N, C-alpha and C. Protein backbone atom coordinates (compact mmCIF):
# COMPACT_ATOMS: atom_id res chain seq x y z
N MET A 1 0.85 -1.17 0.00
CA MET A 1 0.00 0.00 0.00
C MET A 1 0.90 1.23 0.00
N ALA A 2 0.65 2.15 -0.86
CA ALA A 2 1.50 3.32 -0.99
C ALA A 2 1.37 4.25 0.21
N HIS A 3 0.20 4.36 0.74
CA HIS A 3 -0.07 5.27 1.84
C HIS A 3 0.22 4.57 3.17
N GLU A 4 0.97 5.18 4.05
CA GLU A 4 1.31 4.57 5.33
C GLU A 4 0.68 5.35 6.47
N VAL A 5 0.45 4.66 7.58
CA VAL A 5 -0.09 5.29 8.78
C VAL A 5 0.97 6.22 9.37
N ASP A 6 0.55 7.41 9.73
CA ASP A 6 1.44 8.38 10.37
C ASP A 6 1.34 8.20 11.89
N PRO A 7 2.40 7.70 12.54
CA PRO A 7 2.33 7.45 13.98
C PRO A 7 2.26 8.73 14.80
N ASN A 8 2.41 9.88 14.14
CA ASN A 8 2.30 11.16 14.84
C ASN A 8 0.98 11.87 14.55
N SER A 9 0.06 11.16 13.92
CA SER A 9 -1.20 11.79 13.52
C SER A 9 -2.20 11.91 14.66
N CYS A 10 -1.91 11.27 15.77
CA CYS A 10 -2.81 11.27 16.92
C CYS A 10 -1.98 11.33 18.20
N GLU A 11 -2.46 12.11 19.15
CA GLU A 11 -1.80 12.12 20.46
C GLU A 11 -2.13 10.83 21.19
N ARG A 12 -1.25 10.44 22.07
CA ARG A 12 -1.41 9.18 22.82
C ARG A 12 -2.17 9.46 24.13
N THR A 13 -3.38 10.00 23.98
CA THR A 13 -4.22 10.30 25.13
C THR A 13 -5.61 9.69 24.89
N PRO A 14 -6.33 9.40 25.97
CA PRO A 14 -7.68 8.85 25.78
C PRO A 14 -8.59 9.76 24.95
N ASP A 15 -8.54 11.07 25.21
CA ASP A 15 -9.41 11.98 24.47
C ASP A 15 -9.07 12.04 22.99
N ALA A 16 -7.77 12.05 22.67
CA ALA A 16 -7.35 12.09 21.27
C ALA A 16 -7.71 10.79 20.56
N ILE A 17 -7.51 9.68 21.23
CA ILE A 17 -7.86 8.39 20.64
C ILE A 17 -9.37 8.31 20.41
N ARG A 18 -10.14 8.75 21.39
CA ARG A 18 -11.60 8.76 21.26
C ARG A 18 -12.02 9.61 20.07
N ALA A 19 -11.43 10.79 19.93
CA ALA A 19 -11.78 11.69 18.82
C ALA A 19 -11.42 11.06 17.47
N ALA A 20 -10.25 10.45 17.38
CA ALA A 20 -9.83 9.85 16.11
C ALA A 20 -10.73 8.68 15.73
N LEU A 21 -11.14 7.90 16.72
CA LEU A 21 -11.94 6.71 16.45
C LEU A 21 -13.38 7.03 16.04
N GLN A 22 -13.77 8.29 16.06
CA GLN A 22 -15.10 8.68 15.59
C GLN A 22 -15.31 8.21 14.15
N ARG A 23 -14.22 8.09 13.40
CA ARG A 23 -14.30 7.64 11.99
C ARG A 23 -14.85 6.21 11.89
N ARG A 24 -14.59 5.40 12.91
CA ARG A 24 -15.04 4.01 12.92
C ARG A 24 -15.82 3.75 14.21
N PRO A 25 -17.13 3.96 14.19
CA PRO A 25 -17.93 3.78 15.40
C PRO A 25 -17.78 2.40 16.05
N ASP A 26 -17.55 1.35 15.27
CA ASP A 26 -17.36 0.03 15.85
C ASP A 26 -16.07 -0.02 16.67
N TRP A 27 -15.02 0.61 16.18
CA TRP A 27 -13.77 0.67 16.93
C TRP A 27 -13.93 1.54 18.17
N LEU A 28 -14.64 2.66 18.02
CA LEU A 28 -14.86 3.56 19.16
C LEU A 28 -15.61 2.83 20.27
N LYS A 29 -16.62 2.09 19.91
CA LYS A 29 -17.40 1.34 20.91
C LYS A 29 -16.52 0.33 21.64
N ALA A 30 -15.67 -0.37 20.91
CA ALA A 30 -14.77 -1.35 21.54
C ALA A 30 -13.75 -0.66 22.44
N PHE A 31 -13.21 0.48 21.99
CA PHE A 31 -12.29 1.25 22.83
C PHE A 31 -12.97 1.67 24.13
N GLU A 32 -14.16 2.22 24.00
CA GLU A 32 -14.91 2.67 25.19
C GLU A 32 -15.15 1.51 26.15
N ARG A 33 -15.51 0.36 25.62
CA ARG A 33 -15.74 -0.81 26.45
C ARG A 33 -14.47 -1.20 27.20
N ASP A 34 -13.36 -1.27 26.48
CA ASP A 34 -12.07 -1.62 27.10
C ASP A 34 -11.68 -0.58 28.15
N TRP A 35 -11.84 0.69 27.80
CA TRP A 35 -11.44 1.78 28.70
C TRP A 35 -12.27 1.76 29.98
N LEU A 36 -13.58 1.64 29.84
CA LEU A 36 -14.46 1.64 31.01
C LEU A 36 -14.22 0.42 31.89
N SER A 37 -13.92 -0.70 31.29
CA SER A 37 -13.64 -1.91 32.05
C SER A 37 -12.39 -1.72 32.92
N ALA A 38 -11.33 -1.18 32.33
CA ALA A 38 -10.10 -0.94 33.09
C ALA A 38 -10.31 0.15 34.14
N ALA A 39 -11.07 1.19 33.79
CA ALA A 39 -11.31 2.28 34.74
C ALA A 39 -12.14 1.81 35.93
N ALA A 40 -13.08 0.93 35.68
CA ALA A 40 -13.93 0.42 36.76
C ALA A 40 -13.12 -0.36 37.79
N GLU A 41 -12.01 -0.93 37.35
CA GLU A 41 -11.14 -1.71 38.23
C GLU A 41 -10.05 -0.83 38.86
N PHE A 42 -10.05 0.47 38.54
CA PHE A 42 -8.98 1.38 38.99
C PHE A 42 -7.62 0.77 38.66
N ASP A 43 -7.51 0.29 37.43
CA ASP A 43 -6.34 -0.46 36.99
C ASP A 43 -5.49 0.38 36.04
N GLN A 44 -4.49 1.11 36.59
CA GLN A 44 -3.65 1.97 35.75
C GLN A 44 -2.90 1.17 34.69
N PRO A 45 -2.29 0.02 35.04
CA PRO A 45 -1.65 -0.76 33.97
C PRO A 45 -2.67 -1.20 32.91
N GLY A 46 -3.89 -1.49 33.33
CA GLY A 46 -4.94 -1.85 32.38
C GLY A 46 -5.31 -0.69 31.47
N LEU A 47 -5.38 0.52 32.03
CA LEU A 47 -5.67 1.71 31.22
C LEU A 47 -4.54 1.95 30.22
N ASP A 48 -3.30 1.79 30.70
CA ASP A 48 -2.15 1.94 29.80
C ASP A 48 -2.20 0.92 28.66
N ALA A 49 -2.61 -0.30 28.98
CA ALA A 49 -2.71 -1.35 27.96
C ALA A 49 -3.79 -1.02 26.92
N VAL A 50 -4.88 -0.40 27.37
CA VAL A 50 -5.94 0.01 26.44
C VAL A 50 -5.40 1.06 25.48
N ILE A 51 -4.65 2.03 26.02
CA ILE A 51 -4.04 3.06 25.16
C ILE A 51 -3.10 2.40 24.15
N ASP A 52 -2.25 1.49 24.64
CA ASP A 52 -1.31 0.79 23.75
C ASP A 52 -2.05 0.03 22.65
N LYS A 53 -3.14 -0.63 23.01
CA LYS A 53 -3.90 -1.42 22.04
C LYS A 53 -4.55 -0.55 20.98
N TRP A 54 -5.19 0.55 21.38
CA TRP A 54 -6.01 1.33 20.46
C TRP A 54 -5.29 2.48 19.78
N PHE A 55 -4.10 2.84 20.24
CA PHE A 55 -3.36 3.94 19.63
C PHE A 55 -3.09 3.71 18.13
N PRO A 56 -2.64 2.51 17.70
CA PRO A 56 -2.44 2.32 16.25
C PRO A 56 -3.73 2.47 15.43
N PHE A 57 -4.84 2.03 15.99
CA PHE A 57 -6.13 2.19 15.29
C PHE A 57 -6.48 3.68 15.16
N ALA A 58 -6.22 4.43 16.23
CA ALA A 58 -6.50 5.87 16.20
C ALA A 58 -5.62 6.56 15.16
N CYS A 59 -4.35 6.18 15.10
CA CYS A 59 -3.45 6.77 14.09
C CYS A 59 -3.93 6.44 12.68
N ALA A 60 -4.41 5.23 12.48
CA ALA A 60 -4.94 4.85 11.16
C ALA A 60 -6.13 5.74 10.80
N CYS A 61 -6.99 6.00 11.77
CA CYS A 61 -8.15 6.87 11.52
C CYS A 61 -7.73 8.31 11.28
N ALA A 62 -6.69 8.76 11.98
CA ALA A 62 -6.28 10.17 11.92
C ALA A 62 -5.36 10.49 10.75
N THR A 63 -4.77 9.48 10.12
CA THR A 63 -3.89 9.71 8.97
C THR A 63 -4.76 10.02 7.76
N PRO A 64 -4.64 11.23 7.21
CA PRO A 64 -5.50 11.61 6.08
C PRO A 64 -5.38 10.62 4.92
N GLY A 65 -6.53 10.13 4.48
CA GLY A 65 -6.61 9.26 3.31
C GLY A 65 -6.32 7.80 3.56
N TYR A 66 -5.76 7.43 4.70
CA TYR A 66 -5.35 6.05 4.91
C TYR A 66 -6.55 5.10 4.89
N LEU A 67 -7.56 5.35 5.71
CA LEU A 67 -8.71 4.44 5.72
C LEU A 67 -9.48 4.47 4.41
N ASP A 68 -9.50 5.61 3.75
CA ASP A 68 -10.14 5.68 2.43
C ASP A 68 -9.47 4.71 1.47
N GLU A 69 -8.13 4.68 1.49
CA GLU A 69 -7.39 3.79 0.61
C GLU A 69 -7.63 2.33 0.97
N VAL A 70 -7.66 2.02 2.26
CA VAL A 70 -7.92 0.65 2.70
C VAL A 70 -9.32 0.22 2.26
N GLU A 71 -10.30 1.09 2.50
CA GLU A 71 -11.68 0.76 2.13
C GLU A 71 -11.83 0.57 0.62
N GLN A 72 -11.13 1.39 -0.16
CA GLN A 72 -11.19 1.26 -1.63
C GLN A 72 -10.55 -0.06 -2.06
N THR A 73 -9.44 -0.44 -1.43
CA THR A 73 -8.78 -1.70 -1.77
C THR A 73 -9.68 -2.88 -1.44
N ILE A 74 -10.31 -2.85 -0.29
CA ILE A 74 -11.23 -3.92 0.10
C ILE A 74 -12.39 -4.02 -0.89
N LYS A 75 -12.92 -2.88 -1.29
CA LYS A 75 -14.02 -2.87 -2.26
C LYS A 75 -13.58 -3.48 -3.59
N ARG A 76 -12.39 -3.09 -4.05
CA ARG A 76 -11.88 -3.65 -5.31
C ARG A 76 -11.73 -5.16 -5.22
N MET A 77 -11.15 -5.63 -4.12
CA MET A 77 -10.94 -7.07 -3.97
C MET A 77 -12.27 -7.82 -3.89
N ALA A 78 -13.25 -7.24 -3.19
CA ALA A 78 -14.56 -7.87 -3.08
C ALA A 78 -15.23 -7.99 -4.44
N GLU A 79 -14.92 -7.05 -5.32
CA GLU A 79 -15.47 -7.07 -6.67
C GLU A 79 -14.62 -7.90 -7.63
N GLY A 80 -13.54 -8.49 -7.11
CA GLY A 80 -12.68 -9.32 -7.94
C GLY A 80 -11.65 -8.56 -8.76
N ASP A 81 -11.49 -7.27 -8.50
CA ASP A 81 -10.53 -6.44 -9.23
C ASP A 81 -9.21 -6.41 -8.46
N THR A 82 -8.25 -7.22 -8.90
CA THR A 82 -6.94 -7.25 -8.26
C THR A 82 -5.84 -6.78 -9.19
N GLU A 83 -6.22 -6.18 -10.31
CA GLU A 83 -5.26 -5.69 -11.30
C GLU A 83 -4.25 -4.75 -10.64
N GLY A 84 -2.97 -5.10 -10.80
CA GLY A 84 -1.90 -4.26 -10.28
C GLY A 84 -1.61 -4.42 -8.80
N MET A 85 -2.38 -5.24 -8.11
CA MET A 85 -2.16 -5.44 -6.67
C MET A 85 -1.02 -6.43 -6.46
N VAL A 86 -0.25 -6.19 -5.42
CA VAL A 86 0.85 -7.07 -5.05
C VAL A 86 0.57 -7.58 -3.64
N PHE A 87 0.74 -8.88 -3.47
CA PHE A 87 0.51 -9.53 -2.19
C PHE A 87 1.83 -10.11 -1.70
N TYR A 88 2.02 -10.12 -0.39
CA TYR A 88 3.27 -10.60 0.20
C TYR A 88 3.01 -11.79 1.11
N ASP A 89 3.91 -12.76 1.05
CA ASP A 89 3.80 -13.89 1.98
C ASP A 89 4.57 -13.55 3.26
N ALA A 90 4.58 -14.48 4.20
CA ALA A 90 5.21 -14.24 5.51
C ALA A 90 6.71 -13.98 5.39
N ASP A 91 7.32 -14.41 4.32
CA ASP A 91 8.75 -14.20 4.12
C ASP A 91 9.06 -12.92 3.34
N GLY A 92 8.03 -12.18 2.95
CA GLY A 92 8.23 -10.94 2.23
C GLY A 92 8.32 -11.09 0.72
N ASN A 93 8.04 -12.29 0.21
CA ASN A 93 8.05 -12.51 -1.24
C ASN A 93 6.77 -11.95 -1.85
N ALA A 94 6.92 -11.28 -2.99
CA ALA A 94 5.79 -10.62 -3.64
C ALA A 94 5.17 -11.49 -4.72
N TYR A 95 3.84 -11.46 -4.80
CA TYR A 95 3.08 -12.24 -5.78
C TYR A 95 1.92 -11.40 -6.30
N ASP A 96 1.48 -11.72 -7.52
CA ASP A 96 0.26 -11.10 -8.02
C ASP A 96 -0.93 -11.95 -7.56
N ALA A 97 -2.13 -11.57 -7.94
CA ALA A 97 -3.34 -12.26 -7.48
C ALA A 97 -3.43 -13.69 -8.00
N ASP A 98 -2.70 -14.00 -9.07
CA ASP A 98 -2.69 -15.37 -9.60
C ASP A 98 -1.54 -16.20 -9.03
N ASN A 99 -0.90 -15.68 -7.99
CA ASN A 99 0.19 -16.35 -7.28
C ASN A 99 1.47 -16.47 -8.11
N HIS A 100 1.67 -15.54 -9.05
CA HIS A 100 2.91 -15.49 -9.83
C HIS A 100 3.87 -14.53 -9.11
N PRO A 101 5.13 -14.92 -8.98
CA PRO A 101 6.10 -14.02 -8.33
C PRO A 101 6.19 -12.68 -9.06
N VAL A 102 6.38 -11.63 -8.28
CA VAL A 102 6.48 -10.28 -8.80
C VAL A 102 7.79 -9.68 -8.30
N ASP A 103 8.54 -9.06 -9.21
CA ASP A 103 9.77 -8.38 -8.82
C ASP A 103 9.42 -6.95 -8.45
N THR A 104 9.49 -6.64 -7.17
CA THR A 104 9.15 -5.30 -6.71
C THR A 104 10.39 -4.44 -6.51
N GLY A 105 11.55 -5.00 -6.79
CA GLY A 105 12.78 -4.25 -6.62
C GLY A 105 13.13 -4.07 -5.15
N GLY A 106 12.58 -4.94 -4.33
CA GLY A 106 12.85 -4.87 -2.88
C GLY A 106 11.74 -4.16 -2.16
N ARG A 107 11.30 -4.75 -1.10
CA ARG A 107 10.23 -4.17 -0.29
C ARG A 107 10.83 -3.60 0.96
N GLY A 108 10.40 -2.44 1.35
CA GLY A 108 10.96 -1.96 2.57
C GLY A 108 10.51 -0.65 2.94
């Protein structure tokens, strides 16, 4: 994917994460559930873990265009349009949708 998540697009605070997650109400609901559960236990390490868990999701929401690109890619794939898409295996080898190796000139 050409567009990358900007890890500086969101502050690492509950309020900033909550605001960023407005883009995905399902994620916001899950964040709120996790946050309230840890808060009800007065569990500071638990609250810190919730921030750690949801911060990358918030950054994805806050990075301009990132979720739009992901959603467009998902839509294309659901429609069977994989033209020009490159897929990677666990070892970093690139393939097209027909499982033919693709020379990407190095991924990184």
